[in-house]
Amino acid sequence: MVSKNSRSLLGRPLLAWSVDQAKRSTLFDSVVVTSDDDALLEAGKEAGADILVKRPQELSHDKISKLPGIVHAVKEVEGRTGLTFDTIVDLDATAPLRLMEDIAGAVDLLESRNVKSVITGAPARRSPYYNMVELAPDGSIRICKTHDTPVRFRQDAPSCYDMNASIYVWQREPFLSTPREIYEETALYVMPPERSHDIDSQLDFEIVEVMMKRLLSDAKLSASE
């Protein structure tokens, strides 16, 4: 079975798009690929990754968060290079529609706000205050989230955002001490919906393929030879 991150997107492994974006951003001392899959590591090497980290099996099963794998990679790379990194950035291979300005903007937000982490997201298509419902065990439904003032129009609801799994940025110390995506001191970098598709199904892949072709035709994203 071919790994999702190795699947060909417009002639390149899906992973290669994120490696290429990281390299072209010129923001990083080291561009790292971590995986338990040798084929995926080889794809990362061919895409130009600086360092490959083989993830141990205990950090690779389906029911474990990716965060321990990132912590392992940071410690491994720091041990190999002798460097200590101030900032850690995760570019998820399944969300390749980001632009260089998104990566730079998310990193700048971490530094300018001096927060522990930055996540990326897009304006939510549905609102938990207005048109998202929960199904109770008895079969009844109710709006997911209530507000002090009844929400009669979606425009009256608090702004909500979908996490798009595109970019995560952390300060090193809080992340290694307590690995989380969201802390009390976390900022949101907002991306438009057209750059916020995360591949989790065949339909998602087809949508990303169409959007990637559009980005390439607009000369906003270039495919390395």
C-alpha atoms as a PDB file:
ATOM      1  CA  MET A   1       0.000   0.000   0.000  1.00  0.00           C
ATOM      2  CA  VAL A   2       1.328   3.434  -0.973  1.00  0.00           C
ATOM      3  CA  SER A   3       1.568   5.919   1.870  1.00  0.00           C
ATOM      4  CA  LYS A   4      -0.749   8.910   1.454  1.00  0.00           C
ATOM      5  CA  ASN A   5       2.243  11.227   1.768  1.00  0.00           C
ATOM      6  CA  SER A   6       4.028   9.356  -1.047  1.00  0.00           C
ATOM      7  CA  ARG A   7       1.087   9.534  -3.431  1.00  0.00           C
ATOM      8  CA  SER A   8       1.813  11.392  -6.649  1.00  0.00           C
ATOM      9  CA  LEU A   9       0.331  14.869  -6.892  1.00  0.00           C
ATOM     10  CA  LEU A  10       0.927  16.394 -10.330  1.00  0.00           C
ATOM     11  CA  GLY A  11       3.916  14.130 -10.861  1.00  0.00           C
ATOM     12  CA  ARG A  12       5.588  14.597  -7.467  1.00  0.00           C
ATOM     13  CA  PRO A  13       5.181  12.785  -4.131  1.00  0.00           C
ATOM     14  CA  LEU A  14       2.760  14.734  -1.950  1.00  0.00           C
ATOM     15  CA  LEU A  15       5.492  15.171   0.664  1.00  0.00           C
ATOM     16  CA  ALA A  16       7.799  16.830  -1.872  1.00  0.00           C
ATOM     17  CA  TRP A  17       5.596  19.909  -2.154  1.00  0.00           C
ATOM     18  CA  SER A  18       6.004  20.747   1.535  1.00  0.00           C
ATOM     19  CA  VAL A  19       9.753  20.046   1.520  1.00  0.00           C
ATOM     20  CA  ASP A  20      10.139  22.305  -1.490  1.00  0.00           C
ATOM     21  CA  GLN A  21       8.124  25.077   0.178  1.00  0.00           C
ATOM     22  CA  ALA A  22      10.267  24.862   3.310  1.00  0.00           C
ATOM     23  CA  LYS A  23      13.485  25.035   1.280  1.00  0.00           C
ATOM     24  CA  ARG A  24      12.343  27.941  -0.891  1.00  0.00           C
ATOM     25  CA  SER A  25      11.142  29.934   2.099  1.00  0.00           C
ATOM     26  CA  THR A  26      14.821  30.239   3.241  1.00  0.00           C
ATOM     27  CA  LEU A  27      13.551  30.545   6.821  1.00  0.00           C
ATOM     28  CA  PHE A  28      14.966  27.326   8.229  1.00  0.00           C
ATOM     29  CA  ASP A  29      18.385  26.188   9.399  1.00  0.00           C
ATOM     30  CA  SER A  30      17.304  22.585   8.811  1.00  0.00           C
ATOM     31  CA  VAL A  31      14.485  21.088   6.775  1.00  0.00           C
ATOM     32  CA  VAL A  32      13.712  17.708   8.299  1.00  0.00           C
ATOM     33  CA  VAL A  33      11.566  14.756   7.259  1.00  0.00           C
ATOM     34  CA  THR A  34      10.631  12.303   9.999  1.00  0.00           C
ATOM     35  CA  SER A  35       8.873   9.003   9.304  1.00  0.00           C
ATOM     36  CA  ASP A  36       8.961   5.304  10.056  1.00  0.00           C
ATOM     37  CA  ASP A  37       8.589   4.642   6.303  1.00  0.00           C
ATOM     38  CA  ASP A  38      11.895   4.247   4.440  1.00  0.00           C
ATOM     39  CA  ALA A  39      10.254   5.024   1.098  1.00  0.00           C
ATOM     40  CA  LEU A  40       8.877   8.268   2.486  1.00  0.00           C
ATOM     41  CA  LEU A  41      12.280   9.212   3.877  1.00  0.00           C
ATOM     42  CA  GLU A  42      13.811   8.555   0.467  1.00  0.00           C
ATOM     43  CA  ALA A  43      11.146  10.765  -1.127  1.00  0.00           C
ATOM     44  CA  GLY A  44      12.076  13.482   1.356  1.00  0.00           C
ATOM     45  CA  LYS A  45      15.741  13.137   0.470  1.00  0.00           C
ATOM     46  CA  GLU A  46      15.010  13.397  -3.249  1.00  0.00           C
ATOM     47  CA  ALA A  47      12.869  16.479  -2.583  1.00  0.00           C
ATOM     48  CA  GLY A  48      15.817  18.203  -0.918  1.00  0.00           C
ATOM     49  CA  ALA A  49      15.352  17.658   2.828  1.00  0.00           C
ATOM     50  CA  ASP A  50      18.501  18.409   4.810  1.00  0.00           C
ATOM     51  CA  ILE A  51      18.058  15.710   7.458  1.00  0.00           C
ATOM     52  CA  LEU A  52      16.088  12.462   7.591  1.00  0.00           C
ATOM     53  CA  VAL A  53      14.962  11.046  10.937  1.00  0.00           C
ATOM     54  CA  LYS A  54      13.739   7.476  11.218  1.00  0.00           C
ATOM     55  CA  ARG A  55      10.888   7.516  13.694  1.00  0.00           C
ATOM     56  CA  PRO A  56      10.862   4.657  16.240  1.00  0.00           C
ATOM     57  CA  GLN A  57       8.018   2.166  16.013  1.00  0.00           C
ATOM     58  CA  GLU A  58       6.572   3.168  19.381  1.00  0.00           C
ATOM     59  CA  LEU A  59       5.894   6.637  17.950  1.00  0.00           C
ATOM     60  CA  SER A  60       4.466   5.415  14.652  1.00  0.00           C
ATOM     61  CA  HIS A  61       1.176   3.639  15.280  1.00  0.00           C
ATOM     62  CA  ASP A  62      -2.176   5.112  14.228  1.00  0.00           C
ATOM     63  CA  LYS A  63      -3.396   6.003  17.698  1.00  0.00           C
ATOM     64  CA  ILE A  64      -0.548   8.277  18.716  1.00  0.00           C
ATOM     65  CA  SER A  65      -0.395  12.022  18.110  1.00  0.00           C
ATOM     66  CA  LYS A  66       2.236  13.354  15.710  1.00  0.00           C
ATOM     67  CA  LEU A  67       3.615  15.572  18.482  1.00  0.00           C
ATOM     68  CA  PRO A  68       5.865  12.941  20.138  1.00  0.00           C
ATOM     69  CA  GLY A  69       7.338  12.250  16.699  1.00  0.00           C
ATOM     70  CA  ILE A  70       8.141  15.932  16.243  1.00  0.00           C
ATOM     71  CA  VAL A  71       9.719  16.112  19.715  1.00  0.00           C
ATOM     72  CA  HIS A  72      11.827  13.062  18.852  1.00  0.00           C
ATOM     73  CA  ALA A  73      12.921  14.667  15.575  1.00  0.00           C
ATOM     74  CA  VAL A  74      13.903  17.947  17.241  1.00  0.00           C
ATOM     75  CA  LYS A  75      16.044  16.200  19.835  1.00  0.00           C
ATOM     76  CA  GLU A  76      17.592  13.917  17.214  1.00  0.00           C
ATOM     77  CA  VAL A  77      18.498  16.799  14.888  1.00  0.00           C
ATOM     78  CA  GLU A  78      19.848  18.949  17.709  1.00  0.00           C
ATOM     79  CA  GLY A  79      21.991  16.022  18.792  1.00  0.00           C
ATOM     80  CA  ARG A  80      23.362  15.508  15.287  1.00  0.00           C
ATOM     81  CA  THR A  81      24.004  19.144  14.453  1.00  0.00           C
ATOM     82  CA  GLY A  82      24.932  20.592  17.834  1.00  0.00           C
ATOM     83  CA  LEU A  83      22.403  23.362  17.242  1.00  0.00           C
ATOM     84  CA  THR A  84      19.579  24.461  19.525  1.00  0.00           C
ATOM     85  CA  PHE A  85      16.562  25.692  17.593  1.00  0.00           C
ATOM     86  CA  ASP A  86      14.514  28.623  18.873  1.00  0.00           C
ATOM     87  CA  THR A  87      11.527  27.942  16.627  1.00  0.00           C
ATOM     88  CA  ILE A  88       9.970  24.702  15.411  1.00  0.00           C
ATOM     89  CA  VAL A  89       7.674  24.614  12.385  1.00  0.00           C
ATOM     90  CA  ASP A  90       5.554  21.704  11.172  1.00  0.00           C
ATOM     91  CA  LEU A  91       4.368  21.806   7.546  1.00  0.00           C
ATOM     92  CA  ASP A  92       1.831  19.018   7.197  1.00  0.00           C
ATOM     93  CA  ALA A  93       2.352  17.104   3.952  1.00  0.00           C
ATOM     94  CA  THR A  94      -1.403  16.677   3.496  1.00  0.00           C
ATOM     95  CA  ALA A  95      -1.992  20.452   3.244  1.00  0.00           C
ATOM     96  CA  PRO A  96       0.252  21.518   0.333  1.00  0.00           C
ATOM     97  CA  LEU A  97      -1.692  24.574  -0.882  1.00  0.00           C
ATOM     98  CA  ARG A  98       0.063  27.049   1.418  1.00  0.00           C
ATOM     99  CA  LEU A  99       2.193  29.829  -0.041  1.00  0.00           C
ATOM    100  CA  MET A 100       5.570  31.161   1.076  1.00  0.00           C
ATOM    101  CA  GLU A 101       3.783  34.188   2.540  1.00  0.00           C
ATOM    102  CA  ASP A 102       1.747  31.875   4.781  1.00  0.00           C
ATOM    103  CA  ILE A 103       4.838  30.227   6.241  1.00  0.00           C
ATOM    104  CA  ALA A 104       6.594  33.565   6.761  1.00  0.00           C
ATOM    105  CA  GLY A 105       3.423  35.118   8.170  1.00  0.00           C
ATOM    106  CA  ALA A 106       2.876  32.352  10.716  1.00  0.00           C
ATOM    107  CA  VAL A 107       6.494  32.527  11.921  1.00  0.00           C
ATOM    108  CA  ASP A 108       6.353  36.320  12.107  1.00  0.00           C
ATOM    109  CA  LEU A 109       3.135  36.123  14.139  1.00  0.00           C
ATOM    110  CA  LEU A 110       4.833  33.869  16.708  1.00  0.00           C
ATOM    111  CA  GLU A 111       7.717  36.305  17.042  1.00  0.00           C
ATOM    112  CA  SER A 112       5.723  39.545  17.017  1.00  0.00           C
ATOM    113  CA  ARG A 113       3.115  38.318  19.505  1.00  0.00           C
ATOM    114  CA  ASN A 114       5.651  36.359  21.604  1.00  0.00           C
ATOM    115  CA  VAL A 115       3.170  33.504  21.995  1.00  0.00           C
ATOM    116  CA  LYS A 116       3.971  29.846  22.652  1.00  0.00           C
ATOM    117  CA  SER A 117       2.492  28.620  19.391  1.00  0.00           C
ATOM    118  CA  VAL A 118       0.716  29.605  16.196  1.00  0.00           C
ATOM    119  CA  ILE A 119      -1.845  27.508  14.354  1.00  0.00           C
ATOM    120  CA  THR A 120      -3.401  28.160  10.964  1.00  0.00           C
ATOM    121  CA  GLY A 121      -7.066  28.107  10.079  1.00  0.00           C
ATOM    122  CA  ALA A 122      -9.736  29.375   7.723  1.00  0.00           C
ATOM    123  CA  PRO A 123     -13.151  30.916   8.394  1.00  0.00           C
ATOM    124  CA  ALA A 124     -15.475  28.044   9.307  1.00  0.00           C
ATOM    125  CA  ARG A 125     -18.153  27.104   6.789  1.00  0.00           C
ATOM    126  CA  ARG A 126     -20.525  26.165   9.622  1.00  0.00           C
ATOM    127  CA  SER A 127     -21.082  27.811  12.984  1.00  0.00           C
ATOM    128  CA  PRO A 128     -21.481  25.813  16.228  1.00  0.00           C
ATOM    129  CA  TYR A 129     -23.699  28.677  17.411  1.00  0.00           C
ATOM    130  CA  TYR A 130     -26.031  28.577  14.415  1.00  0.00           C
ATOM    131  CA  ASN A 131     -25.988  25.611  12.013  1.00  0.00           C
ATOM    132  CA  MET A 132     -23.945  22.835  13.624  1.00  0.00           C
ATOM    133  CA  VAL A 133     -25.884  20.341  15.766  1.00  0.00           C
ATOM    134  CA  GLU A 134     -25.082  17.559  18.219  1.00  0.00           C
ATOM    135  CA  LEU A 135     -26.901  14.232  18.226  1.00  0.00           C
ATOM    136  CA  ALA A 136     -27.793  13.113  21.748  1.00  0.00           C
ATOM    137  CA  PRO A 137     -27.984   9.421  22.769  1.00  0.00           C
ATOM    138  CA  ASP A 138     -31.789   9.613  22.722  1.00  0.00           C
ATOM    139  CA  GLY A 139     -31.752  10.770  19.097  1.00  0.00           C
ATOM    140  CA  SER A 140     -32.593  14.400  19.826  1.00  0.00           C
ATOM    141  CA  ILE A 141     -30.515  17.211  18.380  1.00  0.00           C
ATOM    142  CA  ARG A 142     -29.381  20.540  19.679  1.00  0.00           C
ATOM    143  CA  ILE A 143     -27.159  23.388  18.537  1.00  0.00           C
ATOM    144  CA  CYS A 144     -23.558  22.578  19.512  1.00  0.00           C
ATOM    145  CA  LYS A 145     -22.805  25.790  21.366  1.00  0.00           C
ATOM    146  CA  THR A 146     -25.047  28.316  23.044  1.00  0.00           C
ATOM    147  CA  HIS A 147     -24.484  32.051  23.431  1.00  0.00           C
ATOM    148  CA  ASP A 148     -25.588  34.512  26.092  1.00  0.00           C
ATOM    149  CA  THR A 149     -27.672  36.252  23.441  1.00  0.00           C
ATOM    150  CA  PRO A 150     -29.784  34.027  21.125  1.00  0.00           C
ATOM    151  CA  VAL A 151     -28.188  33.830  17.660  1.00  0.00           C
ATOM    152  CA  ARG A 152     -30.885  34.392  15.042  1.00  0.00           C
ATOM    153  CA  PHE A 153     -28.546  35.102  12.132  1.00  0.00           C
ATOM    154  CA  ARG A 154     -25.162  33.559  11.439  1.00  0.00           C
ATOM    155  CA  GLN A 155     -23.668  37.047  11.117  1.00  0.00           C
ATOM    156  CA  ASP A 156     -24.491  37.592  14.798  1.00  0.00           C
ATOM    157  CA  ALA A 157     -22.490  34.557  15.945  1.00  0.00           C
ATOM    158  CA  PRO A 158     -18.887  34.831  17.210  1.00  0.00           C
ATOM    159  CA  SER A 159     -16.297  34.269  14.493  1.00  0.00           C
ATOM    160  CA  CYS A 160     -15.228  30.619  14.269  1.00  0.00           C
ATOM    161  CA  TYR A 161     -12.409  29.027  12.312  1.00  0.00           C
ATOM    162  CA  ASP A 162     -11.559  25.555  11.029  1.00  0.00           C
ATOM    163  CA  MET A 163      -8.045  24.417  11.877  1.00  0.00           C
ATOM    164  CA  ASN A 164      -6.612  23.586   8.461  1.00  0.00           C
ATOM    165  CA  ALA A 165      -3.604  21.489   9.593  1.00  0.00           C
ATOM    166  CA  SER A 166      -1.320  23.461   7.282  1.00  0.00           C
ATOM    167  CA  ILE A 167       1.262  25.150   9.524  1.00  0.00           C
ATOM    168  CA  TYR A 168       2.116  24.821  13.204  1.00  0.00           C
ATOM    169  CA  VAL A 169       4.786  27.033  14.780  1.00  0.00           C
ATOM    170  CA  TRP A 170       6.168  26.631  18.305  1.00  0.00           C
ATOM    171  CA  GLN A 171       8.667  28.226  20.608  1.00  0.00           C
ATOM    172  CA  ARG A 172      11.120  25.468  21.477  1.00  0.00           C
ATOM    173  CA  GLU A 173      11.042  25.497  25.279  1.00  0.00           C
ATOM    174  CA  PRO A 174       7.285  25.294  25.927  1.00  0.00           C
ATOM    175  CA  PHE A 175       6.856  22.763  23.128  1.00  0.00           C
ATOM    176  CA  LEU A 176       9.526  20.361  24.353  1.00  0.00           C
ATOM    177  CA  SER A 177       8.337  20.793  27.933  1.00  0.00           C
ATOM    178  CA  THR A 178       4.627  20.277  27.192  1.00  0.00           C
ATOM    179  CA  PRO A 179       3.935  19.341  23.562  1.00  0.00           C
ATOM    180  CA  ARG A 180       0.574  20.777  22.455  1.00  0.00           C
ATOM    181  CA  GLU A 181      -0.946  22.431  19.416  1.00  0.00           C
ATOM    182  CA  ILE A 182      -2.870  24.966  21.489  1.00  0.00           C
ATOM    183  CA  TYR A 183      -1.830  26.710  24.698  1.00  0.00           C
ATOM    184  CA  GLU A 184      -3.436  29.627  26.472  1.00  0.00           C
ATOM    185  CA  GLU A 185      -0.859  31.741  24.613  1.00  0.00           C
ATOM    186  CA  THR A 186      -1.601  30.584  21.051  1.00  0.00           C
ATOM    187  CA  ALA A 187      -2.282  32.840  18.056  1.00  0.00           C
ATOM    188  CA  LEU A 188      -4.239  32.088  14.876  1.00  0.00           C
ATOM    189  CA  TYR A 189      -2.872  32.841  11.429  1.00  0.00           C
ATOM    190  CA  VAL A 190      -5.856  33.067   9.091  1.00  0.00           C
ATOM    191  CA  MET A 191      -5.592  31.584   5.599  1.00  0.00           C
ATOM    192  CA  PRO A 192      -8.222  31.745   2.840  1.00  0.00           C
ATOM    193  CA  PRO A 193     -10.414  28.680   2.174  1.00  0.00           C
ATOM    194  CA  GLU A 194      -8.777  28.012  -1.192  1.00  0.00           C
ATOM    195  CA  ARG A 195      -5.432  27.374   0.541  1.00  0.00           C
ATOM    196  CA  SER A 196      -6.885  25.440   3.471  1.00  0.00           C
ATOM    197  CA  HIS A 197      -7.770  22.017   2.086  1.00  0.00           C
ATOM    198  CA  ASP A 198      -6.320  19.097   4.071  1.00  0.00           C
ATOM    199  CA  ILE A 199      -6.215  15.724   2.308  1.00  0.00           C
ATOM    200  CA  ASP A 200      -8.095  13.102   4.291  1.00  0.00           C
ATOM    201  CA  SER A 201     -10.069  11.366   1.522  1.00  0.00           C
ATOM    202  CA  GLN A 202     -10.107  10.744  -2.215  1.00  0.00           C
ATOM    203  CA  LEU A 203     -12.426  13.722  -2.657  1.00  0.00           C
ATOM    204  CA  ASP A 204      -9.994  15.939  -0.727  1.00  0.00           C
ATOM    205  CA  PHE A 205      -7.169  14.762  -2.988  1.00  0.00           C
ATOM    206  CA  GLU A 206      -9.123  15.594  -6.123  1.00  0.00           C
ATOM    207  CA  ILE A 207      -9.968  19.068  -4.790  1.00  0.00           C
ATOM    208  CA  VAL A 208      -6.331  19.755  -3.881  1.00  0.00           C
ATOM    209  CA  GLU A 209      -5.211  18.567  -7.312  1.00  0.00           C
ATOM    210  CA  VAL A 210      -7.538  21.067  -8.993  1.00  0.00           C
ATOM    211  CA  MET A 211      -6.493  23.894  -6.666  1.00  0.00           C
ATOM    212  CA  MET A 212      -2.798  23.081  -7.128  1.00  0.00           C
ATOM    213  CA  LYS A 213      -3.174  23.330 -10.899  1.00  0.00           C
ATOM    214  CA  ARG A 214      -4.769  26.735 -10.418  1.00  0.00           C
ATOM    215  CA  LEU A 215      -1.918  27.930  -8.208  1.00  0.00           C
ATOM    216  CA  LEU A 216       0.640  26.725 -10.722  1.00  0.00           C
ATOM    217  CA  SER A 217      -1.164  28.439 -13.580  1.00  0.00           C
ATOM    218  CA  ASP A 218      -1.225  31.656 -11.547  1.00  0.00           C
ATOM    219  CA  ALA A 219       2.562  31.332 -11.084  1.00  0.00           C
ATOM    220  CA  LYS A 220       2.159  31.482  -7.291  1.00  0.00           C
ATOM    221  CA  LEU A 221       3.613  28.044  -6.693  1.00  0.00           C
ATOM    222  CA  SER A 222       6.381  26.452  -8.746  1.00  0.00           C
ATOM    223  CA  ALA A 223       7.182  22.779  -9.134  1.00  0.00           C
ATOM    224  CA  SER A 224      10.881  21.997  -8.831  1.00  0.00           C
ATOM    225  CA  GLU A 225      12.364  19.772 -11.497  1.00  0.00           C
END
